[in-house]
Amino acid sequence: MEPGGRIVTRTWPHDNEHIASITVARDDLVLEEASSTDPQVFNQVYGPFSTYQRHVEVSPDAITETTSYRLTIPWFGWLFRIPVKQVLRRRVSHRGWWSPPDRLDATQVLVMGLLAAASMSAAFINTLFTQTAKFAADDFGVGDSGVGYAGAIVRAGIIVALPAAVLADRIGRRRVMVAVAWIAPLLSILGAAAPNFAVLVGTQTLARPMGIALSFLVGVMAAEEMPKNTRAYAISVLAMASGFGAGIAVSSLALADLGPGAWRLVYVVSAIWCIVALDLTRRLPETRRFTAAAVERTAPRVPLDRKRMALLGSVAFIGNIFISPASFFQNSYLSDVRGYSAGLIGLFSLVVGTPAAIGLIIGGRFADTHGRKPLIAVALPLSTLAVVLAFTFGGPILWGFSFLAGITGSMVFPAMAVYRTELFPTGNRTRAAGIITALALLGGIGGLISTGQLIDAGWSYATVIGMFALAQVVVTIIVITSYPETAHQELEDLNPEDATLIITGG
């Protein structure tokens, strides 16, 4: 799940200029010289490595630099193994395009890896019913209106997740996250044994909220652990991990083509996420900001900022009137209108969705370096238009606009999502995230019910989705005119209530 210790050796001809350059601190690491005798030894004082030591030997003919290090990135360490080795081998001072804008420490790197794994689990659980609902409904003889109502009911289960948000503000993020990481996949598996559509909906009305709780806890922990210029970047990385989790759900959908009732096998796949729950149980630490808040016993409980809650909650509610039906009814559109099989739907989702990771990287970096609002102002309307056009045309045009929608939607996601945790203090950050998520789902419920009824009444998908796209226009106007710019600011600057907290280790 993570790379072991690595050694990088570099040798070049003896040169006085090189001798001078190797004795200074690297720009991407803070180093201390451990020895003034040959060979010279440099240790990491602050940086991302669990262990790091650089040995420099100077002989009459050559200079040899040997770097031994261990970089602990759970689950995704293999992705960074080669880029990190290349940076160390070349001894470049700049960070790669793939690295965060701020310098992270070893704990932050560990937490990011674990949160990314949790994001995969949450995304799978949250995608599961959306991907299988149409096939289960066909198996049980339920129409589009029934599917719309089922999607609304499952989303209404968010009320089950709200106690987790309250508990996380009181007893800690880690304890609640570990609990829901176990509960979510165990409840999801029950869908495989559902005797009818109503029971299936009932099991997922309990399971999906646990996945949602896991998702907003991931966002809160990332915001509290990351430096001020890396919060949107962290959201983009976690969103990519979510894409992997959702991709596993989409890929598993091919099992539905094996025969009648084979959609149940997709629910059995949920069991793999118990491995992630076990890893979180073993290695996930509590966030340093929550620990500092817990130590500050004399501080009064901070009331929820109603103005900020109304602002972010309204955007979440209005935006999901469009987002939820556009995502939930995509498979129905592809199946009923375009005649796609389950396997082809899975291929379509992977082909047009996987490259969206490019948008996440671009959007996360742009939001951290240039600001959230300029990105939202351009990317949000563009992604909305692309979605509407994807529901209008078929063939290559459908694939092309879906690809564009995925890229631009991914670009705007980190900037929009990071606001939910930035604008609330530690004492009620998780509660605020839970409430905003609930409001988003309520907006989605309205969109789903309306879409199902209108389609059954003979409206085209393009007309319905195009009409609901007006909600995204409203969202864009609210963000541009009323949202504050939060880039380059510490959470304590955005939330003066937390100004007295002493954050150690980060």
Protein backbone atom coordinates (compact mmCIF):
# COMPACT_ATOMS: atom_id res chain seq x y z
CA MET A 1 0.00 0.00 0.00
CA GLU A 2 3.01 2.29 0.23
CA PRO A 3 6.57 2.35 -1.12
CA GLY A 4 9.41 1.21 1.07
CA GLY A 5 12.73 2.94 1.59
CA ARG A 6 14.49 4.12 -1.58
CA ILE A 7 18.05 5.02 -2.48
CA VAL A 8 19.08 7.42 -5.24
CA THR A 9 22.75 7.75 -6.22
CA ARG A 10 24.22 10.39 -8.50
CA THR A 11 27.85 10.81 -9.56
CA TRP A 12 29.47 13.54 -11.65
CA PRO A 13 33.05 14.74 -12.37
CA HIS A 14 34.82 16.74 -9.70
CA ASP A 15 34.04 20.44 -10.07
CA ASN A 16 34.45 23.30 -7.57
CA GLU A 17 31.13 24.82 -8.61
CA HIS A 18 29.31 21.57 -7.81
CA ILE A 19 31.11 21.26 -4.47
CA ALA A 20 29.73 24.66 -3.47
CA SER A 21 26.19 23.85 -4.61
CA ILE A 22 25.81 20.56 -2.76
CA THR A 23 26.51 22.08 0.65
CA VAL A 24 23.53 24.43 0.63
CA ALA A 25 19.96 23.63 1.57
CA ARG A 26 17.65 22.43 -1.17
CA ASP A 27 14.75 24.75 -1.99
CA ASP A 28 12.19 21.93 -1.76
CA LEU A 29 13.41 20.65 1.63
CA VAL A 30 14.71 22.24 4.81
CA LEU A 31 17.96 20.42 5.61
CA GLU A 32 20.48 20.44 8.38
CA GLU A 33 24.10 19.41 7.99
CA ALA A 34 24.77 16.44 10.24
CA SER A 35 28.52 16.32 9.75
CA SER A 36 31.25 18.69 8.62
CA THR A 37 33.67 15.89 7.71
CA ASP A 38 33.73 13.80 4.58
CA PRO A 39 31.36 12.38 3.66
CA GLN A 40 29.03 15.27 4.34
CA VAL A 41 25.60 14.22 5.63
CA PHE A 42 22.38 16.21 5.35
CA ASN A 43 19.20 15.31 7.24
CA GLN A 44 15.67 16.55 6.68
CA VAL A 45 14.47 19.04 9.30
CA TYR A 46 11.07 19.66 7.75
CA GLY A 47 9.58 18.01 4.70
CA PRO A 48 7.37 15.21 3.39
CA PHE A 49 9.69 12.25 3.96
CA SER A 50 9.32 9.85 6.87
CA THR A 51 13.11 9.49 6.78
CA TYR A 52 15.61 11.36 4.61
CA GLN A 53 19.40 11.52 4.55
CA ARG A 54 21.76 12.75 1.85
CA HIS A 55 25.42 11.66 1.83
CA VAL A 56 27.94 13.58 -0.29
CA GLU A 57 31.40 12.12 -0.92
CA VAL A 58 34.07 14.15 -2.68
CA SER A 59 37.04 12.35 -4.23
CA PRO A 60 39.80 13.77 -6.43
CA ASP A 61 37.97 12.61 -9.56
CA ALA A 62 34.26 12.63 -8.78
CA ILE A 63 31.47 13.73 -6.50
CA THR A 64 28.99 11.07 -5.39
CA GLU A 65 25.67 11.94 -3.82
CA THR A 66 23.58 9.17 -2.24
CA THR A 67 20.10 9.93 -0.98
CA SER A 68 18.18 7.43 1.14
CA TYR A 69 14.56 8.20 1.93
CA ARG A 70 11.18 6.82 2.82
CA LEU A 71 8.00 8.53 1.63
CA THR A 72 4.88 7.18 3.32
CA ILE A 73 1.88 7.73 1.05
CA PRO A 74 -0.70 5.06 1.86
CA TRP A 75 -2.42 3.40 -1.11
CA PHE A 76 -1.16 5.83 -3.74
CA GLY A 77 2.59 5.78 -3.08
CA TRP A 78 3.20 3.88 -6.31
CA LEU A 79 1.95 6.87 -8.31
CA PHE A 80 4.61 9.17 -6.82
CA ARG A 81 7.52 6.72 -6.71
CA ILE A 82 9.01 7.61 -10.10
CA PRO A 83 8.34 11.40 -10.02
CA VAL A 84 9.89 11.73 -6.55
CA LYS A 85 12.94 9.70 -7.56
CA GLN A 86 13.41 11.84 -10.67
CA VAL A 87 13.28 15.05 -8.63
CA LEU A 88 15.88 13.72 -6.17
CA ARG A 89 18.13 12.32 -8.88
CA ARG A 90 18.21 15.61 -10.76
CA ARG A 91 18.40 17.70 -7.57
CA VAL A 92 16.04 20.29 -9.07
CA SER A 93 14.96 23.08 -6.75
CA HIS A 94 11.42 23.47 -8.09
CA ARG A 95 8.51 21.18 -7.29
CA GLY A 96 6.85 19.12 -10.01
CA TRP A 97 3.48 20.04 -11.50
CA TRP A 98 2.03 17.11 -9.58
CA SER A 99 3.17 18.39 -6.17
CA PRO A 100 1.25 20.68 -3.78
CA PRO A 101 1.90 24.45 -3.80
CA ASP A 102 2.93 24.34 -0.13
CA ARG A 103 5.56 22.12 1.48
CA LEU A 104 3.88 19.31 3.45
CA ASP A 105 5.27 17.43 6.41
CA ALA A 106 5.30 13.65 6.85
CA THR A 107 2.07 13.58 8.87
CA GLN A 108 0.22 15.63 6.27
CA VAL A 109 1.40 13.29 3.52
CA LEU A 110 0.27 10.26 5.55
CA VAL A 111 -3.14 11.82 6.21
CA MET A 112 -3.63 12.74 2.55
CA GLY A 113 -3.00 9.15 1.49
CA LEU A 114 -5.44 7.77 4.04
CA LEU A 115 -8.08 10.38 3.20
CA ALA A 116 -7.70 9.54 -0.48
CA ALA A 117 -8.42 5.89 0.30
CA ALA A 118 -11.45 6.94 2.35
CA SER A 119 -12.58 9.08 -0.59
CA MET A 120 -12.52 6.02 -2.83
CA SER A 121 -14.71 4.13 -0.39
CA ALA A 122 -17.15 7.03 0.01
CA ALA A 123 -17.41 7.54 -3.76
CA PHE A 124 -18.12 3.87 -4.39
CA ILE A 125 -20.87 3.80 -1.77
CA ASN A 126 -22.37 7.07 -3.02
CA THR A 127 -22.27 5.91 -6.66
CA LEU A 128 -23.54 2.40 -6.09
CA PHE A 129 -27.29 2.98 -6.10
CA THR A 130 -27.11 5.64 -8.82
CA GLN A 131 -25.38 3.18 -11.17
CA THR A 132 -27.56 0.17 -10.40
CA ALA A 133 -30.99 1.75 -9.83
CA LYS A 134 -32.12 1.49 -13.47
CA PHE A 135 -31.15 -2.18 -13.76
CA ALA A 136 -32.72 -3.10 -10.43
CA ALA A 137 -35.86 -1.17 -11.36
CA ASP A 138 -36.14 -3.03 -14.67
CA ASP A 139 -35.69 -6.32 -12.82
CA PHE A 140 -38.51 -5.43 -10.39
CA GLY A 141 -40.76 -3.78 -13.01
CA VAL A 142 -40.44 -0.17 -11.75
CA GLY A 143 -40.75 2.83 -14.13
CA ASP A 144 -38.84 6.11 -14.40
CA SER A 145 -41.09 7.85 -11.88
CA GLY A 146 -40.37 5.09 -9.40
CA VAL A 147 -36.65 5.42 -10.06
CA GLY A 148 -36.87 9.18 -9.49
CA TYR A 149 -38.74 8.73 -6.21
CA ALA A 150 -36.25 6.04 -5.14
CA GLY A 151 -33.34 8.38 -5.82
CA ALA A 152 -35.07 11.07 -3.79
CA ILE A 153 -35.74 8.71 -0.88
CA VAL A 154 -32.17 7.49 -0.79
CA ARG A 155 -30.93 11.07 -0.79
CA ALA A 156 -33.38 12.00 1.96
CA GLY A 157 -31.51 9.50 4.12
CA ILE A 158 -28.98 12.28 4.72
CA ILE A 159 -30.80 12.85 8.00
CA VAL A 160 -29.10 9.65 9.17
CA ALA A 161 -25.70 11.26 8.54
CA LEU A 162 -26.32 14.47 10.48
CA PRO A 163 -25.68 12.91 13.93
CA ALA A 164 -22.25 11.90 12.63
CA ALA A 165 -21.54 15.56 11.81
CA VAL A 166 -22.52 16.69 15.30
CA LEU A 167 -20.51 13.91 16.97
CA ALA A 168 -17.42 14.73 14.92
CA ASP A 169 -17.41 18.27 16.32
CA ARG A 170 -17.70 16.93 19.87
CA ILE A 171 -15.69 13.69 20.10
CA GLY A 172 -13.33 14.09 17.15
CA ARG A 173 -13.12 13.61 13.42
CA ARG A 174 -11.07 10.42 13.57
CA ARG A 175 -13.40 8.38 15.79
CA VAL A 176 -16.47 9.18 13.70
CA MET A 177 -14.69 8.65 10.39
CA VAL A 178 -13.46 5.22 11.40
CA ALA A 179 -16.98 4.25 12.49
CA VAL A 180 -18.71 5.32 9.27
CA ALA A 181 -15.90 3.81 7.17
CA TRP A 182 -16.94 0.41 8.58
CA ILE A 183 -20.70 0.96 8.61
CA ALA A 184 -21.02 2.22 5.01
CA PRO A 185 -19.75 -0.87 3.13
CA LEU A 186 -21.36 -3.33 5.56
CA LEU A 187 -24.79 -1.76 5.01
CA SER A 188 -24.24 -1.52 1.25
CA ILE A 189 -23.68 -5.25 0.96
CA LEU A 190 -27.25 -5.82 2.17
CA GLY A 191 -28.53 -4.54 -1.19
CA ALA A 192 -27.37 -7.77 -2.81
CA ALA A 193 -30.03 -9.72 -0.91
CA ALA A 194 -32.96 -7.31 -1.44
CA PRO A 195 -36.13 -9.29 -2.32
CA ASN A 196 -37.82 -6.27 -3.93
CA PHE A 197 -37.14 -2.69 -4.99
CA ALA A 198 -38.52 -1.20 -1.78
CA VAL A 199 -36.11 -3.19 0.39
CA LEU A 200 -33.21 -2.26 -1.88
CA VAL A 201 -34.12 1.41 -1.50
CA GLY A 202 -34.38 0.93 2.27
CA THR A 203 -30.91 -0.59 2.61
CA GLN A 204 -29.32 2.16 0.52
CA THR A 205 -31.22 4.87 2.40
CA LEU A 206 -29.10 3.81 5.37
CA ALA A 207 -25.87 2.94 3.56
CA ARG A 208 -25.51 5.96 1.29
CA PRO A 209 -25.74 8.53 4.12
CA MET A 210 -22.83 6.77 5.81
CA GLY A 211 -20.87 7.18 2.59
CA ILE A 212 -21.88 10.84 2.49
CA ALA A 213 -20.80 11.30 6.11
CA LEU A 214 -17.46 9.72 5.24
CA SER A 215 -17.13 12.11 2.32
CA PHE A 216 -17.72 15.34 4.24
CA LEU A 217 -15.51 14.15 7.09
CA VAL A 218 -12.73 13.64 4.55
CA GLY A 219 -13.18 17.23 3.39
CA VAL A 220 -13.10 18.60 6.93
CA MET A 221 -9.97 16.66 7.89
CA ALA A 222 -8.21 17.75 4.72
CA ALA A 223 -9.04 21.41 5.33
CA GLU A 224 -7.82 21.24 8.93
CA GLU A 225 -4.54 19.49 8.10
CA MET A 226 -3.44 21.22 4.90
CA PRO A 227 -1.48 24.53 4.66
CA LYS A 228 -3.27 27.66 3.46
CA ASN A 229 -2.14 27.42 -0.19
CA THR A 230 -2.94 23.73 -0.57
CA ARG A 231 -6.55 23.31 0.53
CA ALA A 232 -8.06 23.40 -2.97
CA TYR A 233 -5.21 21.24 -4.26
CA ALA A 234 -6.02 18.70 -1.54
CA ILE A 235 -9.68 18.70 -2.57
CA SER A 236 -8.63 18.04 -6.18
CA VAL A 237 -6.43 15.10 -5.14
CA LEU A 238 -9.22 13.66 -3.01
CA ALA A 239 -11.66 14.15 -5.88
CA MET A 240 -9.35 12.16 -8.14
CA ALA A 241 -9.33 9.39 -5.56
CA SER A 242 -13.12 9.62 -5.49
CA GLY A 243 -13.02 9.17 -9.24
CA PHE A 244 -11.13 5.92 -8.75
CA GLY A 245 -13.77 4.74 -6.30
CA ALA A 246 -16.64 5.75 -8.56
CA GLY A 247 -14.78 4.16 -11.47
CA ILE A 248 -14.69 0.86 -9.62
CA ALA A 249 -18.46 1.11 -9.17
CA VAL A 250 -18.92 1.93 -12.85
CA SER A 251 -16.60 -0.88 -13.95
CA SER A 252 -18.45 -3.30 -11.69
CA LEU A 253 -21.64 -2.39 -13.53
CA ALA A 254 -20.54 -4.74 -16.32
CA LEU A 255 -21.51 -7.55 -13.93
CA ALA A 256 -25.14 -6.55 -14.52
CA ASP A 257 -24.87 -7.91 -18.08
CA LEU A 258 -24.21 -11.46 -16.81
CA GLY A 259 -27.91 -12.22 -16.49
CA PRO A 260 -31.19 -11.37 -14.75
CA GLY A 261 -30.54 -10.10 -11.25
CA ALA A 262 -26.78 -9.91 -11.83
CA TRP A 263 -26.82 -6.27 -10.71
CA ARG A 264 -26.72 -7.71 -7.17
CA LEU A 265 -23.09 -8.66 -7.69
CA VAL A 266 -22.15 -4.97 -7.79
CA TYR A 267 -23.33 -4.66 -4.19
CA VAL A 268 -21.16 -7.60 -3.16
CA VAL A 269 -18.10 -5.64 -4.38
CA SER A 270 -18.75 -3.23 -1.48
CA ALA A 271 -16.94 -5.65 0.83
CA ILE A 272 -13.53 -4.55 -0.49
CA TRP A 273 -13.87 -1.21 1.31
CA CYS A 274 -13.63 -2.91 4.68
CA ILE A 275 -9.89 -3.05 3.96
CA VAL A 276 -9.79 0.76 3.86
CA ALA A 277 -11.75 0.91 7.11
CA LEU A 278 -9.17 -1.35 8.74
CA ASP A 279 -6.30 0.86 7.56
CA LEU A 280 -8.03 4.01 8.86
CA THR A 281 -8.52 2.27 12.20
CA ARG A 282 -4.80 1.50 12.42
CA ARG A 283 -3.13 4.66 11.14
CA LEU A 284 -5.38 7.73 10.87
CA PRO A 285 -4.48 10.44 13.44
CA GLU A 286 -6.79 13.12 14.78
CA THR A 287 -6.45 16.51 13.08
CA ARG A 288 -4.15 18.95 14.82
CA ARG A 289 -6.73 21.72 14.70
CA PHE A 290 -9.36 19.62 16.45
CA THR A 291 -6.79 18.50 19.02
CA ALA A 292 -5.89 22.14 19.70
CA ALA A 293 -9.58 23.06 20.00
CA ALA A 294 -10.17 20.19 22.41
CA VAL A 295 -7.29 21.39 24.59
CA GLU A 296 -8.77 24.92 24.68
CA ARG A 297 -11.42 23.91 27.22
CA THR A 298 -12.13 27.45 28.36
CA ALA A 299 -13.28 28.62 24.93
CA PRO A 300 -17.07 28.98 24.66
CA ARG A 301 -18.95 26.95 22.05
CA VAL A 302 -19.00 28.95 18.83
CA PRO A 303 -22.49 29.55 17.33
CA LEU A 304 -23.07 28.68 13.70
CA ASP A 305 -22.67 31.69 11.40
CA ARG A 306 -26.18 31.96 9.97
CA LYS A 307 -25.27 34.36 7.19
CA ARG A 308 -22.54 32.12 5.85
CA MET A 309 -24.74 29.06 6.29
CA ALA A 310 -27.57 30.71 4.34
CA LEU A 311 -25.15 31.72 1.59
CA LEU A 312 -23.44 28.37 1.13
CA GLY A 313 -26.61 26.38 1.84
CA SER A 314 -28.60 28.21 -0.83
CA VAL A 315 -25.89 27.61 -3.41
CA ALA A 316 -25.75 23.92 -2.52
CA PHE A 317 -29.55 23.59 -2.70
CA ILE A 318 -29.99 25.48 -5.96
CA GLY A 319 -26.99 23.91 -7.70
CA ASN A 320 -28.11 20.36 -7.03
CA ILE A 321 -31.49 20.96 -8.65
CA PHE A 322 -29.42 20.61 -11.83
CA ILE A 323 -26.48 18.44 -10.77
CA SER A 324 -28.42 15.53 -9.25
CA PRO A 325 -30.76 14.74 -12.17
CA ALA A 326 -27.96 15.33 -14.68
CA SER A 327 -25.86 12.63 -13.01
CA PHE A 328 -28.61 10.29 -11.79
CA PHE A 329 -30.53 10.08 -15.08
CA GLN A 330 -27.47 9.85 -17.32
CA ASN A 331 -27.59 6.05 -17.38
CA SER A 332 -31.34 6.08 -18.08
CA TYR A 333 -30.75 8.50 -20.96
CA LEU A 334 -27.95 6.40 -22.41
CA SER A 335 -29.99 3.20 -22.04
CA ASP A 336 -33.46 4.38 -23.09
CA VAL A 337 -32.64 7.03 -25.69
CA ARG A 338 -29.25 5.93 -27.07
CA GLY A 339 -29.67 2.16 -26.57
CA TYR A 340 -26.44 1.61 -24.62
CA SER A 341 -25.89 -1.69 -22.81
CA ALA A 342 -24.63 -1.84 -19.21
CA GLY A 343 -21.12 -2.62 -20.43
CA LEU A 344 -21.12 0.25 -22.91
CA ILE A 345 -22.44 2.63 -20.24
CA GLY A 346 -19.54 1.60 -18.02
CA LEU A 347 -17.07 2.12 -20.89
CA PHE A 348 -18.60 5.52 -21.67
CA SER A 349 -18.31 6.63 -18.05
CA LEU A 350 -14.66 5.58 -17.86
CA VAL A 351 -13.65 7.07 -21.22
CA VAL A 352 -15.24 10.49 -20.68
CA GLY A 353 -14.78 10.58 -16.89
CA THR A 354 -11.20 9.38 -16.34
CA PRO A 355 -9.55 12.33 -18.16
CA ALA A 356 -11.46 14.63 -15.79
CA ALA A 357 -8.50 14.16 -13.44
CA ILE A 358 -6.70 16.70 -15.63
CA GLY A 359 -9.37 19.23 -14.79
CA LEU A 360 -9.04 18.53 -11.09
CA ILE A 361 -5.29 19.16 -11.11
CA ILE A 362 -5.66 22.35 -13.15
CA GLY A 363 -8.61 23.59 -11.11
CA GLY A 364 -7.07 22.82 -7.74
CA ARG A 365 -3.81 24.60 -8.57
CA PHE A 366 -5.54 27.58 -10.19
CA ALA A 367 -7.90 27.99 -7.23
CA ASP A 368 -4.97 27.97 -4.78
CA THR A 369 -2.67 30.22 -6.78
CA HIS A 370 -5.06 32.63 -8.56
CA GLY A 371 -8.26 32.44 -6.54
CA ARG A 372 -11.51 30.51 -6.38
CA LYS A 373 -13.95 33.06 -7.84
CA PRO A 374 -12.29 33.72 -11.24
CA LEU A 375 -12.23 29.98 -11.90
CA ILE A 376 -15.87 29.48 -10.91
CA ALA A 377 -17.03 32.42 -13.02
CA VAL A 378 -15.72 30.80 -16.22
CA ALA A 379 -15.73 27.04 -15.65
CA LEU A 380 -19.16 26.64 -14.03
CA PRO A 381 -21.25 28.09 -16.90
CA LEU A 382 -19.11 26.26 -19.47
CA SER A 383 -19.50 22.87 -17.77
CA THR A 384 -23.27 23.41 -17.43
CA LEU A 385 -23.63 24.17 -21.14
CA ALA A 386 -21.61 21.07 -22.05
CA VAL A 387 -23.88 18.87 -19.91
CA VAL A 388 -27.02 20.22 -21.59
CA LEU A 389 -25.55 19.61 -25.04
CA ALA A 390 -24.53 16.07 -24.04
CA PHE A 391 -28.20 15.35 -23.29
CA THR A 392 -29.17 16.81 -26.67
CA PHE A 393 -26.96 15.01 -29.21
CA GLY A 394 -25.90 11.43 -29.84
CA GLY A 395 -22.89 9.70 -31.37
CA PRO A 396 -19.43 11.31 -31.23
CA ILE A 397 -20.94 14.69 -30.32
CA LEU A 398 -22.41 13.14 -27.16
CA TRP A 399 -19.00 11.75 -26.19
CA GLY A 400 -17.27 15.03 -26.99
CA PHE A 401 -19.55 17.26 -24.94
CA SER A 402 -19.53 14.73 -22.08
CA PHE A 403 -15.74 14.85 -22.13
CA LEU A 404 -15.80 18.67 -22.04
CA ALA A 405 -18.36 18.63 -19.22
CA GLY A 406 -16.15 16.29 -17.22
CA ILE A 407 -13.02 18.41 -17.65
CA THR A 408 -14.62 21.78 -16.88
CA GLY A 409 -16.82 20.42 -14.10
CA SER A 410 -13.75 18.91 -12.47
CA MET A 411 -11.92 22.22 -12.74
CA VAL A 412 -14.62 24.05 -10.80
CA PHE A 413 -15.19 21.33 -8.20
CA PRO A 414 -12.20 22.03 -5.87
CA ALA A 415 -12.99 25.75 -5.74
CA MET A 416 -16.67 25.17 -4.92
CA ALA A 417 -16.14 22.31 -2.48
CA VAL A 418 -13.39 23.93 -0.39
CA TYR A 419 -15.69 26.79 0.68
CA ARG A 420 -17.79 24.36 2.73
CA THR A 421 -14.98 23.86 5.21
CA GLU A 422 -13.08 27.15 4.96
CA LEU A 423 -15.84 29.48 6.14
CA PHE A 424 -16.64 27.80 9.48
CA PRO A 425 -14.56 27.46 12.67
CA THR A 426 -13.26 24.20 14.11
CA GLY A 427 -16.02 23.99 16.72
CA ASN A 428 -18.77 23.57 14.13
CA ARG A 429 -16.95 22.90 10.85
CA THR A 430 -18.20 19.33 10.49
CA ARG A 431 -21.75 20.27 11.53
CA ALA A 432 -21.78 23.00 8.90
CA ALA A 433 -20.48 20.62 6.25
CA GLY A 434 -23.19 18.13 7.16
CA ILE A 435 -25.98 20.71 6.99
CA ILE A 436 -24.76 22.06 3.65
CA THR A 437 -24.59 18.52 2.30
CA ALA A 438 -28.14 17.92 3.52
CA LEU A 439 -29.36 21.07 1.77
CA ALA A 440 -27.60 20.00 -1.41
CA LEU A 441 -29.38 16.65 -1.27
CA LEU A 442 -32.74 18.33 -0.66
CA GLY A 443 -32.22 20.38 -3.80
CA GLY A 444 -31.28 17.19 -5.59
CA ILE A 445 -34.45 15.49 -4.38
CA GLY A 446 -36.57 18.21 -5.96
CA GLY A 447 -34.64 17.89 -9.20
CA LEU A 448 -34.91 14.10 -9.27
CA ILE A 449 -38.65 13.94 -8.58
CA SER A 450 -39.40 16.65 -11.12
CA THR A 451 -37.19 15.05 -13.76
CA GLY A 452 -38.75 11.61 -13.35
CA GLN A 453 -42.28 12.99 -13.59
CA LEU A 454 -41.55 15.22 -16.58
CA ILE A 455 -39.84 12.44 -18.51
CA ASP A 456 -42.71 10.04 -17.83
CA ALA A 457 -45.05 12.79 -19.02
CA GLY A 458 -43.29 12.84 -22.39
CA TRP A 459 -40.73 15.63 -21.97
CA SER A 460 -37.34 15.02 -23.56
CA TYR A 461 -34.20 14.70 -21.45
CA ALA A 462 -32.68 17.69 -23.26
CA THR A 463 -35.63 19.93 -22.41
CA VAL A 464 -35.71 18.97 -18.72
CA ILE A 465 -31.94 19.23 -18.18
CA GLY A 466 -31.81 22.48 -20.15
CA MET A 467 -34.54 24.00 -18.00
CA PHE A 468 -32.82 23.02 -14.75
CA ALA A 469 -29.53 24.44 -16.05
CA LEU A 470 -30.91 27.87 -15.13
CA ALA A 471 -30.18 26.90 -11.52
CA GLN A 472 -26.45 26.92 -12.30
CA VAL A 473 -26.76 30.43 -13.72
CA VAL A 474 -28.19 31.54 -10.39
CA VAL A 475 -25.36 29.79 -8.53
CA THR A 476 -22.73 31.53 -10.65
CA ILE A 477 -24.26 34.95 -9.92
CA ILE A 478 -24.40 34.29 -6.16
CA VAL A 479 -20.78 33.12 -6.01
CA ILE A 480 -19.43 36.05 -8.02
CA THR A 481 -21.37 38.71 -6.11
CA SER A 482 -21.45 37.35 -2.54
CA TYR A 483 -18.71 34.77 -1.86
CA PRO A 484 -15.48 35.98 -0.25
CA GLU A 485 -12.13 35.10 -1.80
CA THR A 486 -10.41 32.61 0.52
CA ALA A 487 -7.23 31.77 -1.38
CA HIS A 488 -3.92 32.37 0.48
CA GLN A 489 -5.60 32.78 3.87
CA GLU A 490 -5.27 30.62 6.97
CA LEU A 491 -8.44 29.11 8.41
CA GLU A 492 -7.83 31.15 11.56
CA ASP A 493 -7.85 34.37 9.49
CA LEU A 494 -11.14 33.39 7.87
CA ASN A 495 -12.59 32.37 11.24
CA PRO A 496 -11.39 34.74 14.01
CA GLU A 497 -13.07 32.46 16.58
CA ASP A 498 -10.15 30.06 16.09
CA ALA A 499 -7.43 32.68 16.38
CA THR A 500 -6.46 31.58 19.90
CA LEU A 501 -5.80 27.96 18.89
CA ILE A 502 -2.20 26.88 18.91
CA ILE A 503 -1.55 24.43 16.05
CA THR A 504 1.59 22.41 16.55
CA GLY A 505 3.41 20.24 14.07
CA GLY A 506 2.12 21.85 10.89
